[in-house]
Protein backbone atom coordinates (compact mmCIF):
# COMPACT_ATOMS: atom_id res chain seq x y z
CA MET A 1 43.92 -10.13 66.28
CA ASP A 2 44.57 -7.52 63.60
CA PRO A 3 48.40 -7.73 63.78
CA VAL A 4 48.17 -11.54 63.64
CA LEU A 5 45.92 -11.50 60.58
CA GLN A 6 48.09 -8.89 58.91
CA TRP A 7 51.20 -11.02 59.44
CA LEU A 8 49.47 -13.98 57.81
CA ALA A 9 48.37 -11.86 54.85
CA ASP A 10 51.85 -10.39 54.37
CA ASN A 11 53.55 -13.79 54.23
CA ASP A 12 51.28 -15.80 51.95
CA ARG A 13 53.94 -16.14 49.22
CA ARG A 14 56.47 -17.49 51.68
CA TYR A 15 53.89 -19.96 52.94
CA PHE A 16 53.41 -21.24 49.39
CA ASP A 17 57.15 -21.79 49.03
CA GLU A 18 57.35 -23.61 52.35
CA LEU A 19 54.44 -25.88 51.47
CA ALA A 20 56.17 -26.62 48.17
CA GLU A 21 59.28 -27.71 50.10
CA LEU A 22 57.25 -30.11 52.23
CA VAL A 23 55.25 -31.50 49.32
CA ALA A 24 58.51 -32.15 47.45
CA ILE A 25 59.52 -34.70 50.09
CA PRO A 26 57.99 -38.05 48.98
CA SER A 27 57.11 -39.21 52.51
CA VAL A 28 55.25 -42.37 51.48
CA SER A 29 55.01 -44.27 54.75
CA THR A 30 53.87 -47.58 53.28
CA ASP A 31 56.96 -47.94 51.04
CA PRO A 32 60.08 -49.20 52.89
CA GLU A 33 62.26 -47.60 50.22
CA ARG A 34 60.84 -44.20 51.23
CA ALA A 35 61.74 -44.52 54.93
CA GLY A 36 64.55 -42.03 54.47
CA ASP A 37 62.15 -39.55 52.87
CA VAL A 38 59.74 -39.93 55.78
CA ARG A 39 62.64 -39.13 58.09
CA ARG A 40 63.49 -36.07 55.99
CA ALA A 41 59.90 -34.88 56.30
CA ALA A 42 60.06 -35.30 60.08
CA ASP A 43 63.25 -33.25 60.20
CA TRP A 44 61.63 -30.56 58.03
CA VAL A 45 58.57 -30.34 60.30
CA ALA A 46 60.73 -30.23 63.44
CA ALA A 47 62.90 -27.45 61.99
CA ARG A 48 59.80 -25.49 60.94
CA LEU A 49 58.33 -25.76 64.42
CA CYS A 50 61.62 -24.53 65.88
CA ARG A 51 61.43 -21.41 63.70
CA THR A 52 57.86 -20.74 64.74
CA GLY A 53 58.67 -19.22 68.11
CA ASP A 54 59.47 -20.18 71.67
CA ILE A 55 58.38 -23.80 71.19
CA ASP A 56 60.17 -26.80 72.67
CA VAL A 57 60.48 -29.31 69.82
CA GLN A 58 61.34 -33.00 70.03
CA VAL A 59 61.48 -35.86 67.55
CA TRP A 60 59.98 -39.01 69.06
CA GLU A 61 61.13 -42.33 67.67
CA THR A 62 58.83 -45.31 67.07
CA PRO A 63 59.57 -48.81 65.71
CA ARG A 64 58.76 -47.52 62.21
CA HIS A 65 58.67 -43.80 61.48
CA PRO A 66 59.28 -40.82 63.78
CA ALA A 67 56.77 -38.33 65.17
CA VAL A 68 57.36 -34.65 65.91
CA PHE A 69 56.23 -33.04 69.17
CA GLY A 70 56.18 -29.41 70.16
CA GLN A 71 54.97 -27.56 73.25
CA TRP A 72 54.52 -24.02 74.50
CA SER A 73 53.13 -23.33 77.98
CA GLY A 74 53.25 -19.55 78.23
CA ALA A 75 49.52 -18.88 78.54
CA ARG A 76 49.10 -18.87 82.30
CA ASP A 77 45.74 -20.16 83.57
CA ALA A 78 44.59 -20.82 79.99
CA ALA A 79 43.47 -24.04 78.38
CA THR A 80 45.90 -26.39 76.62
CA VAL A 81 45.14 -27.30 73.00
CA LEU A 82 46.72 -30.32 71.35
CA VAL A 83 46.97 -30.05 67.56
CA TYR A 84 47.28 -33.36 65.71
CA GLY A 85 48.34 -33.87 62.10
CA HIS A 86 50.45 -36.13 59.89
CA PHE A 87 53.08 -35.56 57.22
CA ASP A 88 53.13 -38.97 55.54
CA VAL A 89 51.32 -39.46 52.24
CA GLN A 90 49.87 -42.23 50.14
CA PRO A 91 51.71 -43.58 47.09
CA PRO A 92 51.29 -41.38 43.99
CA ASP A 93 50.48 -44.31 41.67
CA PRO A 94 49.43 -44.34 38.91
CA ILE A 95 51.92 -41.66 37.95
CA ASP A 96 50.62 -41.32 34.39
CA ALA A 97 47.21 -40.23 35.73
CA TRP A 98 48.69 -36.99 37.09
CA ASP A 99 48.43 -33.74 35.11
CA SER A 100 51.50 -32.44 36.96
CA PRO A 101 54.34 -34.15 38.86
CA PRO A 102 52.92 -35.48 42.16
CA PHE A 103 55.70 -34.08 44.33
CA VAL A 104 55.80 -30.66 42.68
CA LEU A 105 53.31 -28.19 44.17
CA THR A 106 51.39 -26.85 41.17
CA GLU A 107 48.75 -24.13 41.00
CA ARG A 108 45.99 -24.47 38.42
CA ASN A 109 42.82 -22.38 38.26
CA GLY A 110 43.21 -21.19 41.83
CA ARG A 111 43.79 -24.68 43.27
CA LEU A 112 46.95 -26.33 44.53
CA TYR A 113 47.86 -29.83 43.39
CA GLY A 114 50.44 -32.27 44.72
CA ARG A 115 50.54 -35.58 46.59
CA GLY A 116 49.48 -34.96 50.18
CA VAL A 117 48.81 -31.24 49.77
CA SER A 118 45.33 -31.56 51.30
CA ASP A 119 45.94 -34.77 53.25
CA ASP A 120 47.60 -33.56 55.30
CA LYS A 121 50.58 -31.32 54.60
CA ALA A 122 48.80 -28.02 54.00
CA SER A 123 46.32 -28.61 56.81
CA MET A 124 49.00 -29.48 59.38
CA LEU A 125 51.12 -26.51 58.28
CA LEU A 126 48.30 -24.05 58.95
CA PRO A 127 48.33 -24.26 62.78
CA ILE A 128 52.13 -23.87 62.72
CA LEU A 129 51.75 -20.70 60.68
CA ALA A 130 48.98 -19.43 62.96
CA ALA A 131 51.18 -19.92 66.04
CA GLU A 132 54.07 -18.18 64.28
CA ALA A 133 51.85 -15.21 63.45
CA PHE A 134 51.11 -14.70 67.14
CA PHE A 135 54.77 -14.83 68.15
CA ALA A 136 56.00 -12.73 65.22
CA SER A 137 53.43 -9.98 65.75
CA GLY A 138 54.41 -9.64 69.40
CA GLN A 139 51.34 -11.34 70.83
CA ALA A 140 51.41 -14.55 72.80
CA PRO A 141 48.97 -17.28 71.74
CA PRO A 142 45.82 -17.19 73.91
CA VAL A 143 46.13 -20.90 74.80
CA ASN A 144 48.91 -23.29 75.68
CA LEU A 145 49.96 -25.37 72.70
CA ARG A 146 50.90 -28.96 72.08
CA PHE A 147 51.69 -30.25 68.60
CA LEU A 148 51.81 -33.91 67.62
CA PHE A 149 52.62 -34.62 63.98
CA GLU A 150 53.00 -38.30 63.09
CA SER A 151 54.18 -40.10 59.97
CA GLU A 152 52.16 -43.32 59.95
CA GLU A 153 48.57 -42.15 59.50
CA GLU A 154 48.35 -43.46 55.95
CA ILE A 155 49.22 -46.97 57.18
CA GLY A 156 46.74 -46.91 60.05
CA SER A 157 48.93 -45.27 62.75
CA PRO A 158 50.19 -48.63 64.07
CA ASP A 159 52.63 -47.07 66.55
CA LEU A 160 50.51 -44.12 67.66
CA PRO A 161 48.57 -45.85 70.51
CA ALA A 162 51.76 -46.99 72.23
CA LEU A 163 53.37 -43.58 71.68
CA VAL A 164 50.40 -41.79 73.25
CA ARG A 165 50.43 -44.12 76.24
CA GLU A 166 54.17 -43.66 76.69
CA ARG A 167 53.98 -39.86 76.35
CA ARG A 168 50.62 -39.26 78.00
CA ASP A 169 51.96 -36.65 80.44
CA ALA A 170 53.53 -34.55 77.70
CA LEU A 171 50.37 -34.83 75.60
CA ALA A 172 47.95 -33.90 78.40
CA CYS A 173 45.51 -31.26 77.18
CA ASP A 174 42.04 -29.82 77.60
CA VAL A 175 41.01 -30.24 74.00
CA ALA A 176 42.47 -31.94 70.92
CA LEU A 177 42.16 -30.44 67.45
CA SER A 178 42.75 -32.61 64.41
CA ALA A 179 44.34 -30.66 61.56
CA ASP A 180 43.44 -33.51 59.22
CA GLY A 181 40.20 -33.42 57.32
CA GLY A 182 38.38 -31.78 54.45
CA MET A 183 36.50 -28.51 54.44
CA TRP A 184 32.79 -28.55 53.63
CA ARG A 185 33.48 -25.79 51.15
CA ALA A 186 35.49 -22.57 51.11
CA ASP A 187 32.57 -20.29 52.04
CA VAL A 188 30.99 -22.49 54.74
CA PRO A 189 32.90 -22.87 58.04
CA SER A 190 32.77 -26.42 59.40
CA ILE A 191 34.14 -28.59 62.17
CA THR A 192 34.35 -32.38 61.92
CA VAL A 193 33.16 -33.79 65.24
CA SER A 194 33.47 -37.52 64.54
CA ALA A 195 34.73 -40.01 61.99
CA ARG A 196 34.06 -43.56 60.92
CA GLY A 197 36.53 -46.23 61.97
CA LEU A 198 38.62 -48.36 59.65
CA ALA A 199 39.47 -52.03 59.29
CA SER A 200 41.70 -53.24 56.48
CA LEU A 201 42.30 -56.75 55.23
CA ALA A 202 43.66 -58.64 52.26
CA PHE A 203 43.21 -62.13 50.85
CA THR A 204 44.92 -64.32 48.28
CA VAL A 205 43.36 -66.92 46.02
CA ARG A 206 45.82 -69.62 44.96
CA GLY A 207 45.48 -71.97 42.02
CA PRO A 208 48.25 -73.86 40.20
CA ARG A 209 51.66 -73.86 41.83
CA LYS A 210 53.06 -71.58 39.10
CA ASP A 211 51.86 -69.34 36.29
CA LEU A 212 50.71 -71.33 33.28
CA HIS A 213 50.39 -70.64 29.56
CA SER A 214 46.74 -69.80 28.91
CA GLY A 215 46.89 -71.35 25.43
CA ARG A 216 48.03 -74.68 26.83
CA HIS A 217 46.12 -74.78 30.11
CA GLY A 218 43.25 -72.31 29.75
CA GLY A 219 39.89 -74.03 30.12
CA GLY A 220 41.40 -76.91 32.04
CA VAL A 221 42.57 -75.22 35.24
CA ALA A 222 40.62 -72.73 37.37
CA ASN A 223 41.87 -69.14 37.11
CA PRO A 224 42.44 -67.53 40.55
CA LEU A 225 41.60 -64.08 39.18
CA HIS A 226 38.19 -65.33 38.11
CA ALA A 227 37.58 -66.78 41.56
CA ALA A 228 38.71 -63.55 43.25
CA ALA A 229 36.42 -61.51 41.00
CA ALA A 230 33.48 -63.74 41.93
CA LEU A 231 34.24 -63.30 45.63
CA VAL A 232 34.48 -59.53 45.27
CA ALA A 233 31.23 -59.41 43.29
CA SER A 234 29.48 -61.28 46.11
CA LEU A 235 30.28 -58.56 48.68
CA HIS A 236 27.38 -56.35 47.56
CA ASP A 237 23.85 -56.75 46.30
CA GLY A 238 22.55 -53.62 44.63
CA GLY A 239 24.64 -51.31 46.80
CA ARG A 240 23.86 -53.08 50.06
CA ILE A 241 26.60 -55.12 51.72
CA ALA A 242 25.76 -58.80 51.25
CA VAL A 243 28.15 -60.22 53.87
CA GLU A 244 26.05 -62.21 56.32
CA GLY A 245 25.72 -60.47 59.68
CA PHE A 246 27.57 -57.32 58.65
CA TYR A 247 24.72 -55.02 59.73
CA ASP A 248 23.75 -56.95 62.86
CA GLU A 249 25.38 -54.57 65.34
CA VAL A 250 25.01 -51.32 63.40
CA MET A 251 23.17 -48.57 65.26
CA PRO A 252 20.37 -46.87 63.30
CA ILE A 253 20.69 -43.23 62.32
CA GLU A 254 18.60 -41.14 64.67
CA PRO A 255 15.86 -39.04 62.98
CA PRO A 256 17.18 -35.67 64.24
CA LEU A 257 20.52 -36.45 62.62
CA LEU A 258 18.89 -37.25 59.29
CA GLU A 259 16.96 -33.99 59.53
CA ALA A 260 20.20 -32.12 60.20
CA LEU A 261 21.77 -33.70 57.10
CA ASP A 262 18.85 -32.46 55.00
CA ARG A 263 19.56 -28.90 56.13
CA LEU A 264 23.14 -28.92 54.86
CA PRO A 265 23.82 -26.98 51.62
CA PHE A 266 24.53 -30.10 49.58
CA GLU A 267 23.76 -30.51 45.89
CA GLU A 268 24.25 -34.09 44.73
CA ALA A 269 24.58 -33.08 41.08
CA ASN A 270 27.42 -30.71 41.93
CA TYR A 271 29.10 -33.39 44.00
CA LEU A 272 28.91 -35.93 41.18
CA ALA A 273 30.26 -33.42 38.69
CA ASP A 274 33.14 -32.58 41.04
CA VAL A 275 34.24 -36.21 41.44
CA GLY A 276 33.51 -37.11 37.82
CA ALA A 277 30.82 -39.75 38.47
CA SER A 278 27.70 -40.19 36.37
CA ALA A 279 25.38 -41.35 39.15
CA ALA A 280 25.25 -41.86 42.89
CA PHE A 281 25.61 -45.40 44.24
CA GLY A 282 25.31 -47.06 47.60
CA GLU A 283 23.09 -48.61 50.21
CA PRO A 284 19.41 -48.18 49.29
CA GLY A 285 17.25 -46.08 51.59
CA TYR A 286 19.91 -43.49 52.43
CA GLY A 287 21.11 -40.30 50.81
CA THR A 288 24.71 -39.72 49.78
CA LEU A 289 25.76 -37.92 52.98
CA ALA A 290 24.17 -40.53 55.24
CA ARG A 291 25.94 -43.30 53.33
CA GLN A 292 29.27 -41.50 53.44
CA TRP A 293 29.13 -40.43 57.08
CA TYR A 294 26.92 -42.78 59.06
CA ARG A 295 26.73 -46.17 57.33
CA PRO A 296 29.38 -48.93 57.18
CA THR A 297 31.08 -49.81 53.91
CA ILE A 298 33.23 -52.43 52.24
CA GLU A 299 35.46 -51.14 49.46
CA VAL A 300 37.87 -53.04 47.24
CA ASN A 301 41.06 -50.96 47.10
CA GLY A 302 42.98 -53.14 44.70
CA MET A 303 42.93 -56.42 42.75
CA TYR A 304 46.00 -57.79 41.09
CA GLY A 305 47.66 -60.94 39.80
CA GLY A 306 49.21 -62.30 36.65
CA TYR A 307 51.07 -60.11 34.21
CA GLN A 308 51.16 -56.37 35.01
CA GLY A 309 53.75 -55.12 32.51
CA PRO A 310 53.31 -53.39 29.15
CA GLY A 311 51.63 -55.21 26.32
CA GLY A 312 50.15 -58.67 26.66
CA LYS A 313 51.25 -62.01 28.03
CA THR A 314 49.19 -65.16 27.65
CA VAL A 315 49.35 -66.21 31.27
CA LEU A 316 46.99 -68.10 33.55
CA PRO A 317 48.15 -66.72 36.93
CA SER A 318 48.87 -68.90 39.94
CA GLU A 319 47.61 -66.31 42.44
CA ALA A 320 45.16 -63.41 42.72
CA HIS A 321 45.30 -60.78 45.45
CA VAL A 322 42.64 -58.44 46.80
CA LYS A 323 42.94 -55.54 49.27
CA ILE A 324 39.85 -54.34 51.13
CA THR A 325 38.97 -51.66 53.66
CA CYS A 326 35.81 -51.36 55.74
CA ARG A 327 34.50 -48.12 57.22
CA LEU A 328 32.98 -48.74 60.62
CA VAL A 329 30.20 -47.08 62.61
CA PRO A 330 29.01 -47.48 66.23
CA ASP A 331 28.88 -51.11 67.38
CA ARG A 332 30.21 -52.44 64.05
CA ALA A 333 33.54 -54.03 64.95
CA VAL A 334 35.02 -56.23 62.23
CA GLY A 335 36.97 -59.26 63.41
CA ARG A 336 35.86 -59.16 67.04
CA THR A 337 33.61 -61.52 68.91
CA PRO A 338 30.64 -59.88 70.68
CA GLU A 339 32.22 -60.23 74.12
CA HIS A 340 35.28 -58.28 72.93
CA ARG A 341 33.38 -55.61 71.00
CA THR A 342 33.77 -52.08 72.29
CA ARG A 343 30.46 -50.30 72.26
CA ALA A 344 30.57 -46.70 71.09
CA ARG A 345 28.22 -43.92 72.08
CA ARG A 346 26.89 -41.55 69.46
CA PRO A 347 28.12 -39.20 68.08
CA ARG A 348 31.79 -39.75 68.77
CA LYS A 349 32.40 -42.52 66.26
CA CYS A 350 29.85 -42.37 63.56
CA SER A 351 30.40 -39.81 60.81
CA GLY A 352 32.99 -39.44 58.13
């Protein structure tokens, strides 16, 4: 391994420059106007894989955005490892909240900043660089490799299931490694073995057929934003989800798992300082890690309606909109009847 590690150490500046190139591509998958940028990111990833070594690289089309596939089968009688990652990113809004341009890789105090640098462009680039280090140092990788990098993860991977079914033979492997996820911390090695599921939804509250002047009509017509705020406020009661039946199918956390959480080197005060929060919040009876990894949630991701421009406008809006996501744990399946619910076995779908 020494030549491989030495190659990685000798090329760290080049790796920074390459990551900067990828971060500079605004591959926002949810924005139709950025479809061309998502395509550019796919082309960049495919070209980078081609330069890595003797890897067969293909761009797979989907109804929305493309995926990039690579394979190398030179490790005879060895296992096959499939590496998954994604190169799409979330929107950078609000732009004025950034201390540096979102699509310019910037180093500050030993950390790298840029939209998507940790989720998932740097993480998905790492296995490519590791494979290159083997080839470049004259050593073949010890396992057969498959790479699948998609561009729809930030919109829920709508085309991934069909793509996997269609390409199941090419994707066949002994083990899959997700190059998408946070590190516990720099000095503590960690492997994420499971993740909570996700369900997203949105609703609209409608009032008058058009926006009205609040001076003329305020107090006489119900405001949809007020109604939406009341609905959102009713989702929780002191940190606990107040939606009737939401916890009915949720599996309890097993005592050995809670004991394992207590052994992790986690300091809540340090966590709160890192995220800039004054106090912890969530479902009573559970610690922060249990709530984040093993309990279901409902989060409001956005509320909007009425005037959104600079300054003020005395408007009583005709509509209010709310976007919500739910994190799911074993046996909690939003929007399904019990007979269609897929039961999950611990621990494969329970932690975050």
